[in-house]
Protein backbone atom coordinates (compact mmCIF):
# COMPACT_ATOMS: atom_id res chain seq x y z
CA MET A 1 22.67 32.86 -17.47
CA PRO A 2 24.63 29.96 -19.04
CA ASP A 3 23.04 27.93 -21.82
CA PRO A 4 21.64 24.54 -20.78
CA VAL A 5 24.20 21.75 -20.60
CA LYS A 6 23.57 18.93 -23.07
CA VAL A 7 23.59 15.80 -20.90
CA TYR A 8 24.18 12.43 -22.57
CA LEU A 9 23.03 9.47 -20.49
CA THR A 10 25.04 6.75 -22.22
CA PHE A 11 24.77 3.02 -21.57
CA ASP A 12 27.08 0.27 -22.81
CA ILE A 13 24.93 -2.79 -23.43
CA GLU A 14 26.78 -6.08 -23.51
CA VAL A 15 26.48 -9.77 -22.62
CA TRP A 16 29.25 -11.73 -20.89
CA CYS A 17 29.43 -15.38 -19.91
CA GLY A 18 31.88 -15.18 -17.00
CA GLY A 19 34.75 -16.49 -19.10
CA TRP A 20 35.30 -18.11 -22.48
CA LYS A 21 34.92 -21.79 -21.60
CA ASP A 22 31.60 -23.64 -21.99
CA LEU A 23 30.01 -20.64 -23.71
CA ASP A 24 27.05 -22.57 -25.07
CA ALA A 25 26.15 -23.89 -21.63
CA LYS A 26 26.61 -20.51 -19.92
CA PHE A 27 24.96 -18.24 -22.48
CA PRO A 28 21.23 -18.68 -21.61
CA ALA A 29 21.70 -17.76 -17.94
CA SER A 30 24.16 -14.99 -18.81
CA PHE A 31 21.73 -13.47 -21.31
CA GLU A 32 18.95 -13.53 -18.71
CA ARG A 33 21.13 -11.82 -16.11
CA TYR A 34 22.74 -9.19 -18.31
CA VAL A 35 19.62 -8.27 -20.28
CA TYR A 36 16.84 -8.74 -17.72
CA GLY A 37 18.44 -9.13 -14.29
CA ARG A 38 15.36 -10.94 -13.00
CA SER A 39 14.87 -11.13 -9.25
CA SER A 40 12.03 -11.35 -6.75
CA ALA A 41 12.13 -7.54 -6.65
CA GLY A 42 11.73 -7.18 -10.43
CA ASP A 43 13.91 -6.98 -13.54
CA TYR A 44 16.81 -4.72 -12.60
CA ALA A 45 19.03 -4.86 -15.66
CA LEU A 46 17.93 -3.22 -18.91
CA PRO A 47 14.17 -3.11 -18.09
CA LYS A 48 14.71 -1.12 -14.87
CA THR A 49 17.02 1.34 -16.64
CA LEU A 50 14.37 1.91 -19.30
CA GLU A 51 11.60 2.18 -16.73
CA ILE A 52 13.37 4.90 -14.75
CA LEU A 53 14.21 6.88 -17.87
CA ASP A 54 10.66 6.61 -19.21
CA ARG A 55 9.12 7.56 -15.87
CA ASN A 56 11.11 10.81 -15.96
CA GLY A 57 10.60 11.52 -19.66
CA LEU A 58 14.31 11.16 -20.46
CA LYS A 59 16.08 9.59 -23.41
CA GLY A 60 19.27 7.55 -23.26
CA VAL A 61 22.01 6.76 -25.77
CA PHE A 62 22.49 2.97 -25.78
CA PHE A 63 25.70 1.59 -27.27
CA VAL A 64 24.83 -2.03 -28.07
CA GLU A 65 27.51 -4.71 -28.51
CA PRO A 66 26.40 -7.02 -31.38
CA LEU A 67 29.33 -9.39 -32.02
CA PHE A 68 28.02 -11.94 -29.51
CA ALA A 69 25.01 -12.39 -31.80
CA ALA A 70 27.22 -13.75 -34.59
CA ARG A 71 27.88 -16.68 -32.25
CA PHE A 72 24.46 -17.08 -30.60
CA GLY A 73 21.99 -15.66 -33.13
CA VAL A 74 20.66 -12.25 -34.14
CA GLU A 75 17.32 -12.99 -32.46
CA HIS A 76 19.06 -12.23 -29.14
CA LEU A 77 20.34 -8.94 -30.50
CA ALA A 78 16.83 -8.16 -31.76
CA THR A 79 15.47 -8.70 -28.24
CA ILE A 80 17.88 -6.10 -26.83
CA VAL A 81 17.34 -3.55 -29.60
CA ASP A 82 13.54 -3.92 -29.49
CA LEU A 83 13.48 -3.33 -25.73
CA ILE A 84 15.43 -0.09 -26.16
CA ARG A 85 13.61 1.20 -29.23
CA ALA A 86 10.20 0.63 -27.63
CA GLY A 87 10.87 3.70 -25.49
CA GLY A 88 12.17 5.80 -28.38
CA HIS A 89 15.75 5.72 -27.15
CA ASP A 90 18.91 6.13 -29.20
CA VAL A 91 20.61 2.86 -30.30
CA GLN A 92 24.25 3.04 -31.38
CA LEU A 93 27.22 0.70 -31.91
CA HIS A 94 29.57 -0.74 -29.27
CA LEU A 95 32.27 -3.35 -29.94
CA HIS A 96 34.14 -5.79 -27.72
CA PRO A 97 36.46 -7.41 -30.27
CA GLU A 98 37.40 -10.32 -28.00
CA TRP A 99 34.34 -12.00 -29.51
CA SER A 100 36.05 -12.10 -32.90
CA ASP A 101 37.70 -15.52 -32.45
CA GLU A 102 34.31 -17.01 -31.51
CA LEU A 103 32.81 -16.16 -34.91
CA ARG A 104 32.44 -18.69 -37.68
CA PRO A 105 33.80 -18.20 -40.21
CA LEU A 106 36.60 -16.16 -38.69
CA PRO A 107 36.27 -12.53 -39.83
CA PHE A 108 39.92 -12.31 -40.97
CA PRO A 109 43.15 -14.36 -40.82
CA GLY A 110 44.67 -14.08 -37.37
CA ALA A 111 41.33 -13.70 -35.60
CA ASN A 112 41.84 -17.08 -33.93
CA ARG A 113 43.36 -15.64 -30.74
CA LYS A 114 41.94 -13.43 -28.01
CA ARG A 115 42.83 -9.76 -28.20
CA GLN A 116 40.88 -7.76 -25.68
CA HIS A 117 41.03 -4.22 -27.02
CA LEU A 118 40.19 -2.75 -30.40
CA ALA A 119 43.50 -0.87 -30.30
CA TYR A 120 45.28 -4.24 -30.55
CA TYR A 121 43.93 -4.74 -34.09
CA THR A 122 45.24 -3.32 -37.35
CA LEU A 123 43.35 -0.68 -39.30
CA GLU A 124 42.12 -3.32 -41.72
CA GLU A 125 41.00 -5.63 -38.91
CA GLN A 126 39.22 -2.81 -37.06
CA THR A 127 37.44 -1.84 -40.26
CA ILE A 128 36.28 -5.43 -40.79
CA LEU A 129 35.01 -5.72 -37.21
CA ILE A 130 33.14 -2.40 -37.31
CA ARG A 131 31.53 -3.39 -40.61
CA LYS A 132 30.60 -6.76 -39.07
CA GLY A 133 28.98 -4.94 -36.17
CA LEU A 134 27.07 -2.65 -38.51
CA ASP A 135 25.91 -5.65 -40.56
CA LEU A 136 24.59 -7.43 -37.46
CA MET A 137 22.76 -4.27 -36.38
CA ALA A 138 21.30 -3.90 -39.88
CA GLN A 139 19.92 -7.44 -39.59
CA VAL A 140 17.71 -6.19 -36.75
CA ASP A 141 16.79 -3.05 -38.72
CA CYS A 142 19.09 -0.77 -36.75
CA HIS A 143 21.49 1.65 -38.45
CA PRO A 144 23.87 3.33 -35.97
CA ILE A 145 25.57 6.64 -36.66
CA ALA A 146 27.75 6.69 -33.52
CA PHE A 147 30.31 4.37 -31.94
CA ARG A 148 32.03 3.59 -28.66
CA ALA A 149 34.94 1.16 -28.37
CA GLY A 150 34.71 -1.48 -25.66
CA SER A 151 36.52 -0.32 -22.51
CA PHE A 152 37.09 3.01 -24.34
CA ALA A 153 40.09 1.23 -25.93
CA ALA A 154 40.17 2.97 -29.29
CA SER A 155 43.26 4.00 -31.22
CA ALA A 156 44.09 6.47 -33.98
CA ASP A 157 43.26 3.70 -36.45
CA THR A 158 39.78 3.41 -34.93
CA PHE A 159 38.93 6.87 -36.19
CA ARG A 160 40.24 6.01 -39.64
CA ALA A 161 38.18 2.81 -39.60
CA LEU A 162 35.06 4.70 -38.50
CA GLU A 163 35.49 7.11 -41.39
CA ALA A 164 35.93 4.20 -43.82
CA CYS A 165 32.72 2.63 -42.47
CA GLY A 166 30.71 5.84 -42.76
CA LEU A 167 30.43 6.50 -39.02
CA GLY A 168 31.06 10.14 -38.23
CA LEU A 169 30.50 10.28 -34.46
CA ASP A 170 32.50 8.68 -31.63
CA PHE A 171 32.20 8.49 -27.82
CA SER A 172 35.39 6.47 -27.13
CA LEU A 173 37.82 8.94 -25.56
CA ASN A 174 38.31 8.77 -21.80
CA GLU A 175 41.05 10.89 -20.24
CA VAL A 176 41.47 8.66 -17.16
CA SER A 177 41.49 5.31 -18.97
CA ALA A 178 45.05 4.36 -19.90
CA ASP A 179 43.73 2.07 -22.65
CA SER A 180 41.83 4.88 -24.35
CA ALA A 181 43.71 5.94 -27.50
CA PRO A 182 47.23 6.21 -26.02
CA ASP A 183 48.55 7.01 -29.51
CA LEU A 184 46.35 10.12 -29.61
CA ARG A 185 47.52 11.58 -26.30
CA GLY A 186 48.83 15.08 -26.83
CA GLN A 187 47.08 15.32 -30.20
CA ALA A 188 43.34 14.76 -29.67
CA ASP A 189 41.18 16.60 -27.17
CA PHE A 190 40.13 14.16 -24.43
CA LEU A 191 38.04 16.69 -22.51
CA GLN A 192 35.77 18.51 -24.94
CA PRO A 193 34.01 17.76 -28.23
CA SER A 194 36.32 18.10 -31.22
CA ARG A 195 37.09 16.57 -34.59
CA ILE A 196 39.57 13.78 -35.20
CA GLY A 197 39.96 13.71 -38.95
CA ALA A 198 36.44 13.52 -40.35
CA VAL A 199 34.98 12.04 -37.14
CA LYS A 200 33.31 14.10 -34.43
CA SER A 201 34.47 13.06 -30.97
CA VAL A 202 32.43 13.45 -27.77
CA PRO A 203 34.68 12.45 -24.85
CA MET A 204 33.67 11.03 -21.50
CA THR A 205 33.10 13.65 -18.79
CA ILE A 206 35.88 13.75 -16.19
CA PHE A 207 35.68 15.73 -12.97
CA ARG A 208 37.93 16.38 -9.99
CA ASP A 209 36.52 14.76 -6.86
CA GLY A 210 36.70 16.12 -3.32
CA THR A 211 40.18 14.66 -2.79
CA GLY A 212 41.50 16.24 -6.00
CA ARG A 213 41.58 13.02 -8.00
CA LEU A 214 40.26 12.76 -11.54
CA ARG A 215 37.13 10.63 -11.85
CA PRO A 216 34.89 9.63 -14.77
CA ALA A 217 31.19 10.38 -14.46
CA GLN A 218 30.03 6.78 -14.11
CA LEU A 219 26.82 5.81 -12.35
CA GLY A 220 28.26 2.84 -10.49
CA SER A 221 31.35 4.62 -9.16
CA CYS A 222 30.15 8.11 -8.14
CA SER A 223 27.76 9.24 -5.42
CA VAL A 224 24.66 11.10 -6.55
CA ALA A 225 26.07 14.11 -4.70
CA GLU A 226 29.21 13.90 -6.86
CA LEU A 227 27.18 13.61 -10.05
CA GLU A 228 24.96 16.52 -9.06
CA GLY A 229 27.98 18.58 -8.06
CA ALA A 230 29.77 17.75 -11.31
CA LEU A 231 26.69 18.80 -13.28
CA GLU A 232 26.48 22.08 -11.37
CA SER A 233 30.18 22.74 -11.87
CA THR A 234 29.94 21.92 -15.59
CA ARG A 235 27.19 24.49 -16.00
CA ALA A 236 28.96 27.13 -13.91
CA LEU A 237 32.11 26.74 -16.04
CA GLY A 238 30.14 27.17 -19.24
CA ILE A 239 30.99 23.67 -20.46
CA GLY A 240 28.33 22.67 -22.96
CA HIS A 241 28.22 18.89 -22.57
CA PHE A 242 28.18 16.20 -19.89
CA VAL A 243 28.56 12.48 -20.70
CA LEU A 244 27.53 9.96 -18.06
CA LEU A 245 28.35 6.25 -18.40
CA SER A 246 26.41 3.26 -17.15
CA HIS A 247 25.85 -0.36 -18.22
CA ASN A 248 22.88 -2.68 -18.49
CA PHE A 249 24.11 -4.53 -15.36
CA GLU A 250 25.19 -1.56 -13.25
CA MET A 251 22.14 -1.64 -10.96
CA LEU A 252 22.78 -5.31 -10.09
CA LYS A 253 24.95 -6.62 -7.29
CA GLN A 254 28.24 -7.96 -8.56
CA GLY A 255 27.90 -11.47 -9.93
CA ARG A 256 24.21 -11.70 -9.00
CA SER A 257 20.80 -10.74 -10.37
CA SER A 258 19.56 -9.06 -7.20
CA PRO A 259 19.34 -5.26 -7.29
CA ASP A 260 21.96 -2.98 -5.78
CA GLY A 261 19.62 -0.64 -3.91
CA ILE A 262 22.24 2.09 -3.50
CA VAL A 263 22.89 2.35 -7.25
CA VAL A 264 19.18 2.07 -8.08
CA ARG A 265 18.35 4.97 -5.77
CA ARG A 266 21.30 6.92 -7.18
CA PHE A 267 19.99 6.60 -10.72
CA GLU A 268 16.42 7.41 -9.68
CA LYS A 269 17.58 10.58 -7.89
CA LEU A 270 19.75 11.65 -10.81
CA CYS A 271 16.93 11.20 -13.33
CA LYS A 272 14.47 13.01 -11.07
CA LEU A 273 16.90 15.93 -10.80
CA LEU A 274 17.42 16.10 -14.57
CA ALA A 275 13.66 15.95 -15.20
CA ALA A 276 13.02 18.78 -12.73
CA ARG A 277 15.74 21.06 -14.14
CA ARG A 278 15.26 20.79 -17.89
CA ASP A 279 15.93 24.51 -18.33
CA GLU A 280 19.48 23.96 -17.00
CA PHE A 281 20.24 20.43 -18.23
CA THR A 282 18.95 19.16 -21.57
CA VAL A 283 19.09 15.37 -21.71
CA SER A 284 20.15 14.76 -25.30
CA THR A 285 20.65 12.08 -27.93
CA THR A 286 22.92 11.94 -30.98
CA ALA A 287 20.30 14.04 -32.76
CA MET A 288 21.29 16.94 -30.44
CA LEU A 289 25.04 17.31 -30.63
CA PRO A 290 27.29 19.68 -28.69
CA THR A 291 29.49 22.30 -30.30
CA PHE A 292 32.68 20.84 -31.77
CA LYS A 293 35.84 22.91 -31.37
CA ALA A 294 38.10 23.33 -34.37
CA ASN A 295 41.14 23.78 -32.12
CA SER A 296 41.84 22.42 -28.67
CA GLN A 297 41.56 24.99 -25.92
CA LYS A 298 42.52 24.49 -22.31
CA VAL A 299 39.40 24.05 -20.22
CA SER A 300 38.81 23.85 -16.49
CA LEU A 301 37.56 20.54 -15.19
CA PRO A 302 34.32 20.32 -13.23
CA SER A 303 34.94 19.68 -9.56
CA VAL A 304 32.99 18.64 -6.48
CA GLY A 305 33.40 19.22 -2.77
CA LEU A 306 34.79 16.81 -0.20
CA PRO A 307 31.40 15.99 1.40
CA ALA A 308 30.11 14.60 -1.93
CA THR A 309 33.13 12.30 -2.20
CA LEU A 310 32.94 11.25 1.45
CA TRP A 311 29.34 10.24 0.73
CA ARG A 312 30.68 7.91 -1.96
CA PHE A 313 33.15 6.41 0.49
CA GLY A 314 30.26 5.75 2.88
CA GLU A 315 28.19 4.15 0.12
CA GLN A 316 31.11 1.94 -0.89
CA ALA A 317 31.52 0.76 2.69
CA ALA A 318 27.79 0.09 2.96
CA ARG A 319 27.78 -1.91 -0.29
CA ARG A 320 30.64 -4.09 0.97
CA PHE A 321 28.85 -4.62 4.29
CA ILE A 322 25.47 -5.40 2.71
CA GLY A 323 27.04 -7.66 0.12
């Protein structure tokens, strides 16, 4: 019988204001939506995620973006971190560097223009931004050991910067994201845990859907049948880890605070399955790491059947119809 698969339920936690104009006017409502997602049905952003995890006795790995707090105040970052830590969940570091030109003083010369991805910054600039993120987290008594670049858009220099900042664990590699470390393609392992210099890398789980296309294991873009099938396939292949991605706003309808019932039910079903099958799937944190390969080895990708993918197509059509 295969060993249990270590399953990492990872969440990127971030606040956006729908653009970069009138930030001060937009921030209060944006913070309410992205952090709480309040509606007549309840709070379906971060609180609902935490509620479902807690109800099933599961722990998540929450990558929290702190740079916004340098503009709007660390008390807002403290609110987010305290919500997560109240349930004993794992809090780690996430960075969207396009906040850097909003900071005062500017973190480095040349930070006065928008650059979306961390890979667009020099090694020195990346190091400064990661240290700034760590400092902001320290101000709310949080000391991350792991990192994920915003939009998975790391570069080879990101791993050098992480090492310089004392962070030895990264979750930034994503095989199907073109922005994810293009300068490491053909060198780093984008499919299984490995080492990149002194940094341990845990890549995003990718599976082959029922049409043969590669797909990341993301809550908002896979049916529960696909996620269950990918988990089953991962275990059958003897792959030791499975990384799922979600966000604090992923159970909300696009651009609104009302809940997306399809995604909510999807997450509830997934968590219920994982809770019921703990002997096969061990929901893990950064305190329970997978095995890291010294050398890249060709591995088979998990795959799912066509019915699971057709179910997603049906859900997508229903979500468009429901609005």
